[in-house]
Amino acid sequence: PVTAPPDPAAARLGDLMAERLEVSRFVAWYKFQNNLPVRDAKREAEVVTAFVTEGARRGLPESQTRPFITAQIRASRLLQQEAMAKWNRGGTL
C-alpha cells in the first residue's frame, strides 16, 4: 500500500510527545529517590492551566488543548508508576 509522508507538524508533535514521556522517567527517578508520590494534583493543575492558556493565546480552543494535555499527564503518570514499581522490585533506571 502507498502511504503519504507524515505531515511535518504531526511528526513534530509526535516527537515532542515522546520527549515529554522521556522526561517523565527522570521525574519518576527524582520522586523515587525523594519518596514523593507520583500524583501531584497541584502541579498537574498548574500545567493544565498554563497549557490551556498558551493554547488560547495561539488560537487553539480549550476543548482541544485540555483533553490533549490531560492525556499527556495521564500517560506520564502511568510511566512513572511503572518505573517506580520496577525500582521497588530492584530494577534499574
Protein backbone atom coordinates (compact mmCIF):
# COMPACT_ATOMS: atom_id res chain seq x y z
CA PRO A 1 0.00 0.00 0.00
CA VAL A 2 1.07 3.54 -0.75
CA THR A 3 1.37 5.81 2.25
CA ALA A 4 1.66 9.55 2.33
CA PRO A 5 4.64 11.11 4.05
CA PRO A 6 3.83 12.32 7.54
CA ASP A 7 2.63 15.85 7.94
CA PRO A 8 5.62 17.80 9.35
CA ALA A 9 3.51 19.36 12.11
CA ALA A 10 2.08 15.98 13.14
CA ALA A 11 5.54 14.42 13.07
CA ARG A 12 6.90 17.22 15.25
CA LEU A 13 4.02 16.83 17.68
CA GLY A 14 4.76 13.11 17.92
CA ASP A 15 8.42 13.86 18.62
CA LEU A 16 7.51 16.34 21.36
CA MET A 17 5.13 13.86 22.96
CA ALA A 18 7.87 11.23 23.02
CA GLU A 19 10.35 13.73 24.50
CA ARG A 20 7.87 14.63 27.24
CA LEU A 21 7.44 10.98 28.16
CA GLU A 22 11.21 10.51 28.24
CA VAL A 23 11.46 13.39 30.72
CA SER A 24 8.86 11.55 32.80
CA ARG A 25 11.42 8.84 33.54
CA PHE A 26 13.73 11.40 35.13
CA VAL A 27 10.84 12.93 37.05
CA ALA A 28 9.96 9.45 38.31
CA TRP A 29 13.55 8.85 39.39
CA TYR A 30 13.59 12.13 41.32
CA LYS A 31 10.29 11.26 43.00
CA PHE A 32 11.51 7.75 43.77
CA GLN A 33 14.75 9.00 45.30
CA ASN A 34 12.88 11.57 47.41
CA ASN A 35 9.99 9.32 48.38
CA LEU A 36 7.44 11.56 46.66
CA PRO A 37 4.10 10.39 45.27
CA VAL A 38 3.60 10.09 41.54
CA ARG A 39 0.49 12.22 41.59
CA ASP A 40 0.88 15.92 42.36
CA ALA A 41 -2.58 17.37 41.78
CA LYS A 42 -1.46 20.97 42.38
CA ARG A 43 1.40 20.75 39.87
CA GLU A 44 -0.78 18.95 37.33
CA ALA A 45 -3.43 21.68 37.61
CA GLU A 46 -0.73 24.32 37.04
CA VAL A 47 0.50 22.51 33.93
CA VAL A 48 -3.03 22.17 32.54
CA THR A 49 -3.80 25.85 33.18
CA ALA A 50 -0.56 27.00 31.57
CA PHE A 51 -1.09 24.74 28.55
CA VAL A 52 -4.70 25.83 28.02
CA THR A 53 -3.70 29.49 28.43
CA GLU A 54 -0.86 29.18 25.91
CA GLY A 55 -3.15 27.30 23.53
CA ALA A 56 -5.75 30.08 23.74
CA ARG A 57 -3.02 32.65 23.08
CA ARG A 58 -2.20 30.72 19.90
CA GLY A 59 -5.84 30.43 18.86
CA LEU A 60 -6.50 26.85 19.97
CA PRO A 61 -9.77 26.05 21.71
CA GLU A 62 -9.76 24.71 25.24
CA SER A 63 -11.94 21.84 24.01
CA GLN A 64 -8.81 20.57 22.20
CA THR A 65 -5.98 21.64 24.48
CA ARG A 66 -7.38 20.44 27.81
CA PRO A 67 -8.03 16.82 26.73
CA PHE A 68 -4.65 16.70 24.98
CA ILE A 69 -2.58 17.80 27.98
CA THR A 70 -4.71 15.75 30.37
CA ALA A 71 -3.94 12.64 28.32
CA GLN A 72 -0.23 13.52 28.31
CA ILE A 73 -0.23 13.90 32.10
CA ARG A 74 -2.07 10.60 32.49
CA ALA A 75 0.48 8.85 30.26
CA SER A 76 3.33 10.41 32.24
CA ARG A 77 1.77 9.25 35.49
CA LEU A 78 1.42 5.69 34.19
CA LEU A 79 5.03 5.64 33.02
CA GLN A 80 6.18 6.96 36.40
CA GLN A 81 4.15 4.35 38.28
CA GLU A 82 5.55 1.58 36.11
CA ALA A 83 9.14 2.78 36.57
CA MET A 84 8.78 3.19 40.32
CA ALA A 85 7.25 -0.28 40.68
CA LYS A 86 10.22 -1.69 38.76
CA TRP A 87 12.68 0.14 41.01
CA ASN A 88 10.88 -1.08 44.10
CA ARG A 89 11.50 -4.61 42.82
CA GLY A 90 15.21 -3.86 42.40
CA GLY A 91 15.20 -2.88 38.73
CA THR A 92 17.45 -0.16 37.34
CA LEU A 93 16.83 3.11 35.54
